Each structure stands twice: as structure tokens, then as C-alpha cells.
């Protein structure tokens, strides 16, 4: 869930992340519009390369904040990947000195897959886009959680 104690920036770009051990989906949105769009997928297990690519995105888009999806079981309990997501969020905040908000990402991949199916993208064709569309779902849920 979005942290209600975090102050929502008035205007600016926001990057959203769907963290995975192999791939990280990235979405982009603007606080003024409150609409998220898929941006890219970072496909690397090497943290140095991941953060190099994220740094390039931050330099290019100049976000005012970052949003990271926090996975959990349907009953709300966290699992092993939750710890890695929290660590990823802390690293983002520390490296880039930007506010980072965690958002509940339960069912974001299922919603992303459904959205792609409805767009005519099925089966294996979804794989290169699924993570960035899941990041879009996460970022959109952040935007929808606040009256902008």
C-alpha cells in the first residue's frame, strides 16, 4: 500500500518498478495526469548493470519519486521476494536520493497478462512486455490511491 506519510509531489515524472530476480519492469507516469505507461524491461541478474541502466533512466526522465511494487501472498503475508524488493527500494533511495514508495503489487502480473491478452498479445509474445506492463499496473495503482 502507498505510504500515506509520504508527501505526493505536486508535479513531475514518476518511475515505477516491478522488481524480479532476473527482470525489472519499468513504467513511467506524470503526477499531473496520473496515468502510467510501460517504459522498458531491464533484463539482467547483475546488480551493477541493473543500477547502471536505472541511473540512465533517472538521468533521462528526471523523476521526482520512484514507486516499487511489494509482492505478497493473497492473504497479505510477505514472502521471500518481499525482502529483496524492500532491499531494492532502499538501494534506489540511497543511490539516487529520491523518495521511494512501496505499493502492494498482488495480482499485478495477472492483471498485466490479462491486459496484454485483451490487446491481442498472447502466449510467449507476452514475455518481453509483461514486466513493464506489470510496472505500469503498479504505478497506476499508486496514482489511483491518491486524489491528484
C-alpha atoms as a PDB file:
ATOM      1  CA  UNK A   1       0.000   0.000   0.000  1.00  0.00           C
ATOM      2  CA  UNK A   2       1.265   3.524  -0.633  1.00  0.00           C
ATOM      3  CA  UNK A   3       2.795   5.108   2.428  1.00  0.00           C
ATOM      4  CA  UNK A   4       0.295   7.823   3.443  1.00  0.00           C
ATOM      5  CA  UNK A   5       3.025   9.659   5.353  1.00  0.00           C
ATOM      6  CA  UNK A   6       4.965  10.299   2.164  1.00  0.00           C
ATOM      7  CA  UNK A   7       4.128  13.597   0.590  1.00  0.00           C
ATOM      8  CA  UNK A   8       2.991  13.280  -3.004  1.00  0.00           C
ATOM      9  CA  UNK A   9       4.957  15.601  -5.285  1.00  0.00           C
ATOM     10  CA  UNK A  10       2.839  18.287  -6.952  1.00  0.00           C
ATOM     11  CA  UNK A  11       4.220  17.751 -10.427  1.00  0.00           C
ATOM     12  CA  UNK A  12       6.773  15.634 -12.125  1.00  0.00           C
ATOM     13  CA  UNK A  13       7.691  12.341 -13.616  1.00  0.00           C
ATOM     14  CA  UNK A  14       7.468   9.145 -11.552  1.00  0.00           C
ATOM     15  CA  UNK A  15       9.164   5.848 -12.399  1.00  0.00           C
ATOM     16  CA  UNK A  16       7.539   2.604 -11.262  1.00  0.00           C
ATOM     17  CA  UNK A  17       9.342  -0.721 -10.855  1.00  0.00           C
ATOM     18  CA  UNK A  18       8.213  -4.344 -10.906  1.00  0.00           C
ATOM     19  CA  UNK A  19      11.231  -5.986  -9.273  1.00  0.00           C
ATOM     20  CA  UNK A  20      12.284  -9.514 -10.144  1.00  0.00           C
ATOM     21  CA  UNK A  21      15.429 -11.512  -9.601  1.00  0.00           C
ATOM     22  CA  UNK A  22      16.026 -11.707 -13.366  1.00  0.00           C
ATOM     23  CA  UNK A  23      13.977  -8.855 -14.858  1.00  0.00           C
ATOM     24  CA  UNK A  24      12.806  -5.459 -13.634  1.00  0.00           C
ATOM     25  CA  UNK A  25       9.859  -3.903 -15.397  1.00  0.00           C
ATOM     26  CA  UNK A  26       9.835  -0.108 -15.552  1.00  0.00           C
ATOM     27  CA  UNK A  27       6.882   2.202 -16.108  1.00  0.00           C
ATOM     28  CA  UNK A  28       6.612   5.962 -16.305  1.00  0.00           C
ATOM     29  CA  UNK A  29       3.910   8.427 -15.395  1.00  0.00           C
ATOM     30  CA  UNK A  30       3.309  12.070 -14.598  1.00  0.00           C
ATOM     31  CA  UNK A  31       1.761  13.176 -11.324  1.00  0.00           C
ATOM     32  CA  UNK A  32      -0.287  15.885 -13.013  1.00  0.00           C
ATOM     33  CA  UNK A  33      -2.022  13.407 -15.322  1.00  0.00           C
ATOM     34  CA  UNK A  34      -1.916  10.388 -13.015  1.00  0.00           C
ATOM     35  CA  UNK A  35      -1.563   7.973 -15.926  1.00  0.00           C
ATOM     36  CA  UNK A  36       1.121   5.267 -16.081  1.00  0.00           C
ATOM     37  CA  UNK A  37       2.681   3.835 -19.255  1.00  0.00           C
ATOM     38  CA  UNK A  38       5.037   0.867 -19.744  1.00  0.00           C
ATOM     39  CA  UNK A  39       8.592   2.037 -20.443  1.00  0.00           C
ATOM     40  CA  UNK A  40      11.134  -0.799 -20.603  1.00  0.00           C
ATOM     41  CA  UNK A  41      12.315  -4.062 -19.095  1.00  0.00           C
ATOM     42  CA  UNK A  42      15.759  -4.403 -17.565  1.00  0.00           C
ATOM     43  CA  UNK A  43      16.882  -7.979 -18.199  1.00  0.00           C
ATOM     44  CA  UNK A  44      19.973  -8.685 -16.127  1.00  0.00           C
ATOM     45  CA  UNK A  45      20.879 -10.516 -12.941  1.00  0.00           C
ATOM     46  CA  UNK A  46      23.964  -8.331 -12.353  1.00  0.00           C
ATOM     47  CA  UNK A  47      23.165  -5.547  -9.874  1.00  0.00           C
ATOM     48  CA  UNK A  48      25.870  -3.299 -11.311  1.00  0.00           C
ATOM     49  CA  UNK A  49      24.293  -3.444 -14.768  1.00  0.00           C
ATOM     50  CA  UNK A  50      20.770  -3.045 -13.361  1.00  0.00           C
ATOM     51  CA  UNK A  51      21.665   0.098 -11.463  1.00  0.00           C
ATOM     52  CA  UNK A  52      23.637   1.472 -14.407  1.00  0.00           C
ATOM     53  CA  UNK A  53      20.528   1.157 -16.591  1.00  0.00           C
ATOM     54  CA  UNK A  54      18.302   2.621 -13.863  1.00  0.00           C
ATOM     55  CA  UNK A  55      20.747   5.514 -13.492  1.00  0.00           C
ATOM     56  CA  UNK A  56      20.448   6.219 -17.227  1.00  0.00           C
ATOM     57  CA  UNK A  57      16.637   6.227 -16.945  1.00  0.00           C
ATOM     58  CA  UNK A  58      16.759   8.594 -13.977  1.00  0.00           C
ATOM     59  CA  UNK A  59      19.136  10.917 -15.839  1.00  0.00           C
ATOM     60  CA  UNK A  60      16.895  10.892 -18.906  1.00  0.00           C
ATOM     61  CA  UNK A  61      13.499  11.268 -17.204  1.00  0.00           C
ATOM     62  CA  UNK A  62      14.432  13.240 -14.045  1.00  0.00           C
ATOM     63  CA  UNK A  63      11.729  11.672 -11.832  1.00  0.00           C
ATOM     64  CA  UNK A  64      10.555  13.364  -8.646  1.00  0.00           C
ATOM     65  CA  UNK A  65       9.976   9.986  -6.990  1.00  0.00           C
ATOM     66  CA  UNK A  66      10.101   6.225  -7.506  1.00  0.00           C
ATOM     67  CA  UNK A  67       7.471   3.548  -6.836  1.00  0.00           C
ATOM     68  CA  UNK A  68       8.368  -0.102  -6.214  1.00  0.00           C
ATOM     69  CA  UNK A  69       5.891  -2.974  -6.177  1.00  0.00           C
ATOM     70  CA  UNK A  70       5.962  -5.057  -2.991  1.00  0.00           C
ATOM     71  CA  UNK A  71       4.860  -8.652  -3.569  1.00  0.00           C
ATOM     72  CA  UNK A  72       2.908 -10.636  -1.018  1.00  0.00           C
ATOM     73  CA  UNK A  73       0.662 -13.650  -0.833  1.00  0.00           C
ATOM     74  CA  UNK A  74      -3.054 -13.156  -1.424  1.00  0.00           C
ATOM     75  CA  UNK A  75      -3.626 -13.206   2.342  1.00  0.00           C
ATOM     76  CA  UNK A  76      -1.257 -10.237   2.696  1.00  0.00           C
ATOM     77  CA  UNK A  77       1.691 -12.120   4.178  1.00  0.00           C
ATOM     78  CA  UNK A  78       5.090 -11.283   2.723  1.00  0.00           C
ATOM     79  CA  UNK A  79       7.301 -13.896   1.093  1.00  0.00           C
ATOM     80  CA  UNK A  80      10.995 -14.228   0.194  1.00  0.00           C
ATOM     81  CA  UNK A  81      10.849 -11.800  -2.744  1.00  0.00           C
ATOM     82  CA  UNK A  82       9.325  -9.136  -0.455  1.00  0.00           C
ATOM     83  CA  UNK A  83      12.619  -8.840   1.425  1.00  0.00           C
ATOM     84  CA  UNK A  84      14.547  -8.423  -1.834  1.00  0.00           C
ATOM     85  CA  UNK A  85      12.079  -5.748  -3.018  1.00  0.00           C
ATOM     86  CA  UNK A  86      12.497  -3.794   0.216  1.00  0.00           C
ATOM     87  CA  UNK A  87      16.291  -4.005  -0.198  1.00  0.00           C
ATOM     88  CA  UNK A  88      15.984  -2.837  -3.828  1.00  0.00           C
ATOM     89  CA  UNK A  89      13.812   0.111  -2.719  1.00  0.00           C
ATOM     90  CA  UNK A  90      16.353   1.113  -0.029  1.00  0.00           C
ATOM     91  CA  UNK A  91      19.171   0.937  -2.591  1.00  0.00           C
ATOM     92  CA  UNK A  92      17.223   3.148  -5.013  1.00  0.00           C
ATOM     93  CA  UNK A  93      16.581   5.707  -2.292  1.00  0.00           C
ATOM     94  CA  UNK A  94      20.206   5.647  -1.133  1.00  0.00           C
ATOM     95  CA  UNK A  95      21.817   5.820  -4.582  1.00  0.00           C
ATOM     96  CA  UNK A  96      19.562   8.376  -6.202  1.00  0.00           C
ATOM     97  CA  UNK A  97      18.401  10.460  -3.206  1.00  0.00           C
ATOM     98  CA  UNK A  98      14.797  10.234  -4.381  1.00  0.00           C
ATOM     99  CA  UNK A  99      11.763   9.344  -2.300  1.00  0.00           C
ATOM    100  CA  UNK A 100      10.685   5.726  -2.842  1.00  0.00           C
ATOM    101  CA  UNK A 101       7.213   4.415  -2.071  1.00  0.00           C
ATOM    102  CA  UNK A 102       6.300   0.740  -1.840  1.00  0.00           C
ATOM    103  CA  UNK A 103       2.959  -0.318  -3.359  1.00  0.00           C
ATOM    104  CA  UNK A 104       1.122  -3.612  -2.900  1.00  0.00           C
ATOM    105  CA  UNK A 105       1.576  -5.500  -6.146  1.00  0.00           C
ATOM    106  CA  UNK A 106      -0.625  -8.531  -5.540  1.00  0.00           C
ATOM    107  CA  UNK A 107      -2.041  -9.765  -8.844  1.00  0.00           C
ATOM    108  CA  UNK A 108      -0.222  -7.096 -10.897  1.00  0.00           C
ATOM    109  CA  UNK A 109       1.325  -9.721 -13.199  1.00  0.00           C
ATOM    110  CA  UNK A 110      -2.046 -11.420 -13.700  1.00  0.00           C
ATOM    111  CA  UNK A 111      -3.646  -8.062 -14.487  1.00  0.00           C
ATOM    112  CA  UNK A 112      -0.786  -7.221 -16.864  1.00  0.00           C
ATOM    113  CA  UNK A 113      -1.153 -10.571 -18.644  1.00  0.00           C
ATOM    114  CA  UNK A 114      -4.908 -10.049 -18.984  1.00  0.00           C
ATOM    115  CA  UNK A 115      -4.356  -6.552 -20.384  1.00  0.00           C
ATOM    116  CA  UNK A 116      -1.889  -7.888 -22.948  1.00  0.00           C
ATOM    117  CA  UNK A 117      -4.301 -10.682 -23.942  1.00  0.00           C
ATOM    118  CA  UNK A 118      -7.039  -8.104 -24.463  1.00  0.00           C
ATOM    119  CA  UNK A 119      -4.613  -6.213 -26.729  1.00  0.00           C
ATOM    120  CA  UNK A 120      -4.031  -9.339 -28.803  1.00  0.00           C
ATOM    121  CA  UNK A 121      -0.647 -10.254 -27.310  1.00  0.00           C
ATOM    122  CA  UNK A 122      -0.783 -13.887 -26.193  1.00  0.00           C
ATOM    123  CA  UNK A 123       1.460 -16.711 -25.077  1.00  0.00           C
ATOM    124  CA  UNK A 124       5.200 -16.302 -25.451  1.00  0.00           C
ATOM    125  CA  UNK A 125       4.796 -12.932 -27.146  1.00  0.00           C
ATOM    126  CA  UNK A 126       3.876 -11.510 -23.719  1.00  0.00           C
ATOM    127  CA  UNK A 127       7.205 -12.316 -22.086  1.00  0.00           C
ATOM    128  CA  UNK A 128       9.223  -9.277 -23.289  1.00  0.00           C
ATOM    129  CA  UNK A 129       6.407  -6.893 -22.281  1.00  0.00           C
ATOM    130  CA  UNK A 130       4.906  -8.494 -19.187  1.00  0.00           C
ATOM    131  CA  UNK A 131       7.235  -6.954 -16.594  1.00  0.00           C
ATOM    132  CA  UNK A 132       6.912  -3.400 -17.888  1.00  0.00           C
ATOM    133  CA  UNK A 133       3.122  -3.727 -18.103  1.00  0.00           C
ATOM    134  CA  UNK A 134       3.132  -5.096 -14.528  1.00  0.00           C
ATOM    135  CA  UNK A 135       5.171  -1.998 -13.549  1.00  0.00           C
ATOM    136  CA  UNK A 136       2.502   0.096 -15.267  1.00  0.00           C
ATOM    137  CA  UNK A 137      -0.197  -1.618 -13.170  1.00  0.00           C
ATOM    138  CA  UNK A 138       1.832  -0.943 -10.002  1.00  0.00           C
ATOM    139  CA  UNK A 139       2.417   2.713 -10.845  1.00  0.00           C
ATOM    140  CA  UNK A 140      -1.211   3.215 -11.869  1.00  0.00           C
ATOM    141  CA  UNK A 141      -2.365   1.731  -8.561  1.00  0.00           C
ATOM    142  CA  UNK A 142      -0.129   4.278  -6.821  1.00  0.00           C
ATOM    143  CA  UNK A 143      -1.686   7.127  -8.812  1.00  0.00           C
ATOM    144  CA  UNK A 144      -5.196   5.791  -8.161  1.00  0.00           C
ATOM    145  CA  UNK A 145      -4.514   5.626  -4.425  1.00  0.00           C
ATOM    146  CA  UNK A 146      -4.204   9.407  -4.156  1.00  0.00           C
ATOM    147  CA  UNK A 147      -6.535  12.215  -5.158  1.00  0.00           C
ATOM    148  CA  UNK A 148      -4.294  14.141  -7.533  1.00  0.00           C
END
